[in-house]
Amino acid sequence: MFPQTYICQILCLVLSLSPPFLPFMESLRWCSSPSSGRSQRHKLSKVDRLLMCWWAFTGLTHMILEGYFVFSPEFYKERTSFYLAEVWKEYSKGDSRYAGRDAAVVAVEGLTAVLEGPACLLAVYAIATKKTYSNVLQFAISLGQLYGTAVYYITSLLEGDNFAASSTYYYAYFIGANASWVVIPTLISIRCWKKICAASQVPIQKRTKVR
């Protein structure tokens, strides 16, 4: 129960701090709630409904926010008030590699936006329809997010870890803004791994009984 309890608490906190996605999250929670007209067979647990919100949030973040960075190389030079450009200009105060278009950062963000973004939205569908590959898919995406975050931090350390304008931006943006993609994928990985192992034990138990 450890992962499920903390997944609930952390997801509620993360989603409550994401105003741009709140209307979408509210509609998603309504559609996945037990009272939304779904049959008893398709009712989802609270953890599953929160996971749907997390995967929708992180999928849209990867595709829209990170996708904009990858495919807008001149964002830092633009003198506009476009929201996504301003977000990255602000975040660059915590990691100047974004403004300088560091190759490692662009590569990680590109793979995340193109591969993990759509996969996250597929996870929403898999959970909602109780697909058999749901836990495997969530496990794979979570490992990908952990790997990407590890590469992001390790490359910074290898290059001197001196890319923030101040310690405030360093801890608020470089550490704080990325913490969710360390903690939540770790908990989801543990949960999915346990479910996959439990599911794999069922055929073994059946074969033992037959013998």
Protein backbone atom coordinates (compact mmCIF):
# COMPACT_ATOMS: atom_id res chain seq x y z
CA MET A 1 0.00 0.00 0.00
CA PHE A 2 3.02 2.32 0.36
CA PRO A 3 3.20 3.39 -3.31
CA GLN A 4 -0.55 3.83 -3.70
CA THR A 5 -0.87 6.03 -0.62
CA TYR A 6 1.93 8.34 -1.65
CA ILE A 7 0.90 8.38 -5.30
CA CYS A 8 -2.49 9.76 -4.22
CA GLN A 9 -0.98 12.44 -2.00
CA ILE A 10 1.71 13.57 -4.45
CA LEU A 11 -0.54 13.57 -7.51
CA CYS A 12 -3.15 15.68 -5.72
CA LEU A 13 -0.42 18.22 -4.85
CA VAL A 14 1.12 18.30 -8.35
CA LEU A 15 -2.20 18.61 -10.17
CA SER A 16 -3.43 21.32 -7.81
CA LEU A 17 -0.35 23.39 -8.76
CA SER A 18 -1.01 23.17 -12.50
CA PRO A 19 -3.63 25.86 -13.35
CA PRO A 20 -3.29 25.67 -17.17
CA PHE A 21 -4.38 22.04 -17.11
CA LEU A 22 -7.09 22.23 -14.43
CA PRO A 23 -10.11 22.39 -16.81
CA PHE A 24 -8.85 19.33 -18.66
CA MET A 25 -8.14 17.50 -15.41
CA GLU A 26 -11.59 18.24 -14.04
CA SER A 27 -13.27 16.83 -17.14
CA LEU A 28 -10.96 13.80 -17.01
CA ARG A 29 -11.78 13.16 -13.36
CA TRP A 30 -15.50 13.43 -14.14
CA CYS A 31 -15.26 10.97 -17.04
CA SER A 32 -13.31 8.46 -14.95
CA SER A 33 -15.41 8.75 -11.80
CA PRO A 34 -17.64 5.85 -10.73
CA SER A 35 -20.77 7.99 -11.11
CA SER A 36 -20.12 8.99 -14.71
CA GLY A 37 -22.28 6.24 -16.13
CA ARG A 38 -19.64 3.55 -16.52
CA SER A 39 -20.69 -0.01 -15.72
CA GLN A 40 -19.63 -1.71 -12.51
CA ARG A 41 -17.10 -3.76 -14.47
CA HIS A 42 -15.25 -0.65 -15.61
CA LYS A 43 -15.23 1.28 -12.34
CA LEU A 44 -11.78 2.62 -11.53
CA SER A 45 -10.07 2.97 -8.18
CA LYS A 46 -9.06 6.35 -6.82
CA VAL A 47 -5.42 5.60 -7.61
CA ASP A 48 -6.26 4.72 -11.21
CA ARG A 49 -8.24 7.94 -11.66
CA LEU A 50 -5.36 9.98 -10.25
CA LEU A 51 -2.93 8.12 -12.48
CA MET A 52 -5.06 9.05 -15.48
CA CYS A 53 -4.78 12.69 -14.44
CA TRP A 54 -1.03 12.39 -13.97
CA TRP A 55 -0.47 10.76 -17.35
CA ALA A 56 -2.68 13.34 -19.05
CA PHE A 57 -0.85 16.19 -17.32
CA THR A 58 2.64 14.88 -17.98
CA GLY A 59 1.75 13.85 -21.55
CA LEU A 60 0.47 17.32 -22.42
CA THR A 61 3.47 18.88 -20.68
CA HIS A 62 5.87 16.77 -22.74
CA MET A 63 4.11 17.38 -26.04
CA ILE A 64 3.14 21.05 -25.69
CA LEU A 65 5.64 22.67 -23.34
CA GLU A 66 8.74 20.60 -24.07
CA GLY A 67 7.74 20.17 -27.70
CA TYR A 68 7.69 23.95 -28.11
CA PHE A 69 11.23 24.20 -26.74
CA VAL A 70 12.53 21.51 -29.09
CA PHE A 71 10.95 22.88 -32.24
CA SER A 72 11.44 26.60 -31.46
CA PRO A 73 15.22 27.10 -31.45
CA GLU A 74 14.93 30.90 -31.51
CA PHE A 75 12.54 31.20 -28.56
CA TYR A 76 15.08 33.08 -26.43
CA LYS A 77 15.64 35.74 -29.08
CA GLU A 78 11.97 36.42 -29.76
CA ARG A 79 10.63 39.67 -28.34
CA THR A 80 7.09 38.45 -27.82
CA SER A 81 4.89 37.78 -24.82
CA PHE A 82 3.97 34.29 -26.03
CA TYR A 83 3.28 32.21 -22.93
CA LEU A 84 5.40 29.16 -23.80
CA ALA A 85 8.37 31.29 -24.85
CA GLU A 86 8.19 33.23 -21.59
CA VAL A 87 8.03 29.99 -19.59
CA TRP A 88 11.30 28.79 -21.10
CA LYS A 89 12.96 32.20 -20.75
CA GLU A 90 12.08 32.10 -17.07
CA TYR A 91 13.18 28.49 -16.62
CA SER A 92 16.51 29.30 -18.29
CA LYS A 93 17.34 31.32 -15.19
CA GLY A 94 17.60 27.98 -13.39
CA ASP A 95 19.40 26.20 -16.24
CA SER A 96 21.05 28.37 -18.91
CA ARG A 97 21.65 25.33 -21.11
CA TYR A 98 18.12 25.82 -22.43
CA ALA A 99 18.90 29.31 -23.67
CA GLY A 100 22.16 28.04 -25.19
CA ARG A 101 20.44 25.07 -26.88
CA ASP A 102 22.75 22.51 -25.26
CA ALA A 103 22.82 19.37 -27.43
CA ALA A 104 22.21 16.95 -24.55
CA VAL A 105 19.23 18.93 -23.29
CA VAL A 106 17.67 19.26 -26.75
CA ALA A 107 18.12 15.51 -27.36
CA VAL A 108 16.51 14.52 -24.05
CA GLU A 109 13.64 16.97 -24.45
CA GLY A 110 13.11 15.92 -28.07
CA LEU A 111 12.81 12.23 -27.26
CA THR A 112 10.56 13.05 -24.33
CA ALA A 113 8.21 15.20 -26.41
CA VAL A 114 8.01 12.87 -29.41
CA LEU A 115 7.98 9.46 -27.72
CA GLU A 116 6.94 9.79 -24.09
CA GLY A 117 4.28 12.44 -24.66
CA PRO A 118 2.01 10.30 -26.89
CA ALA A 119 2.80 7.22 -24.77
CA CYS A 120 1.49 9.05 -21.68
CA LEU A 121 -1.82 9.76 -23.41
CA LEU A 122 -1.97 6.10 -24.47
CA ALA A 123 -1.56 5.22 -20.79
CA VAL A 124 -4.67 7.29 -19.99
CA TYR A 125 -6.62 5.23 -22.51
CA ALA A 126 -5.14 1.96 -21.24
CA ILE A 127 -6.12 2.68 -17.65
CA ALA A 128 -9.62 3.87 -18.56
CA THR A 129 -10.34 0.77 -20.64
CA LYS A 130 -8.43 -1.62 -18.37
CA LYS A 131 -6.12 -2.87 -21.09
CA THR A 132 -3.87 -5.79 -20.21
CA TYR A 133 -0.78 -3.81 -21.20
CA SER A 134 -1.59 -0.90 -18.88
CA ASN A 135 0.94 -1.72 -16.13
CA VAL A 136 3.68 -2.66 -18.59
CA LEU A 137 3.17 0.60 -20.48
CA GLN A 138 3.18 2.72 -17.32
CA PHE A 139 6.30 0.91 -16.10
CA ALA A 140 8.10 1.55 -19.39
CA ILE A 141 7.16 5.24 -19.50
CA SER A 142 8.18 5.75 -15.87
CA LEU A 143 11.57 4.17 -16.52
CA GLY A 144 11.97 6.42 -19.55
CA GLN A 145 11.17 9.50 -17.46
CA LEU A 146 13.61 8.43 -14.75
CA TYR A 147 16.30 7.78 -17.35
CA GLY A 148 15.74 11.16 -19.00
CA THR A 149 15.86 12.95 -15.65
CA ALA A 150 19.04 11.09 -14.68
CA VAL A 151 20.73 12.09 -17.96
CA TYR A 152 19.56 15.68 -17.43
CA TYR A 153 21.12 15.92 -13.97
CA ILE A 154 24.24 13.87 -14.69
CA THR A 155 25.21 15.90 -17.77
CA SER A 156 24.83 19.06 -15.70
CA LEU A 157 27.12 17.67 -12.98
CA LEU A 158 29.71 16.58 -15.53
CA GLU A 159 29.74 20.07 -17.04
CA GLY A 160 30.25 21.82 -13.71
CA ASP A 161 26.66 22.23 -12.46
CA ASN A 162 26.92 26.01 -12.72
CA PHE A 163 24.08 27.01 -15.01
CA ALA A 164 21.71 28.85 -12.64
CA ALA A 165 21.51 32.62 -12.24
CA SER A 166 21.32 32.22 -8.47
CA SER A 167 20.82 29.57 -5.78
CA THR A 168 17.14 30.54 -5.59
CA TYR A 169 16.56 29.70 -9.26
CA TYR A 170 18.73 26.60 -8.89
CA TYR A 171 16.62 25.05 -6.14
CA ALA A 172 13.26 26.36 -7.36
CA TYR A 173 13.61 25.49 -11.06
CA PHE A 174 16.48 23.05 -11.58
CA ILE A 175 15.67 20.94 -8.50
CA GLY A 176 12.08 21.72 -7.55
CA ALA A 177 10.46 21.83 -10.97
CA ASN A 178 11.91 18.44 -11.88
CA ALA A 179 11.34 16.68 -8.56
CA SER A 180 7.91 15.38 -9.58
CA TRP A 181 9.49 13.45 -12.48
CA VAL A 182 11.73 11.66 -10.00
CA VAL A 183 9.35 10.88 -7.15
CA ILE A 184 6.14 10.02 -9.03
CA PRO A 185 7.67 7.79 -11.74
CA THR A 186 9.58 5.95 -8.99
CA LEU A 187 6.37 5.23 -7.06
CA ILE A 188 4.51 4.26 -10.22
CA SER A 189 7.34 1.92 -11.23
CA ILE A 190 7.19 0.18 -7.84
CA ARG A 191 3.40 -0.17 -8.06
CA CYS A 192 3.44 -1.50 -11.62
CA TRP A 193 6.31 -3.86 -10.93
CA LYS A 194 4.37 -5.40 -8.03
CA LYS A 195 1.25 -5.76 -10.18
CA ILE A 196 3.20 -7.33 -13.05
CA CYS A 197 4.88 -9.79 -10.67
CA ALA A 198 1.55 -10.64 -9.05
CA ALA A 199 -0.06 -11.24 -12.44
CA SER A 200 2.80 -13.49 -13.54
CA GLN A 201 2.36 -15.64 -10.43
CA VAL A 202 -1.21 -16.59 -11.31
CA PRO A 203 -0.38 -18.98 -14.21
CA ILE A 204 2.35 -20.59 -12.07
CA GLN A 205 -0.12 -21.22 -9.23
CA LYS A 206 -2.64 -22.69 -11.67
CA ARG A 207 -0.06 -25.07 -13.16
CA THR A 208 0.97 -26.16 -9.66
CA LYS A 209 -2.64 -27.01 -8.77
CA VAL A 210 -3.13 -29.02 -11.98
CA ARG A 211 -0.08 -31.13 -11.22
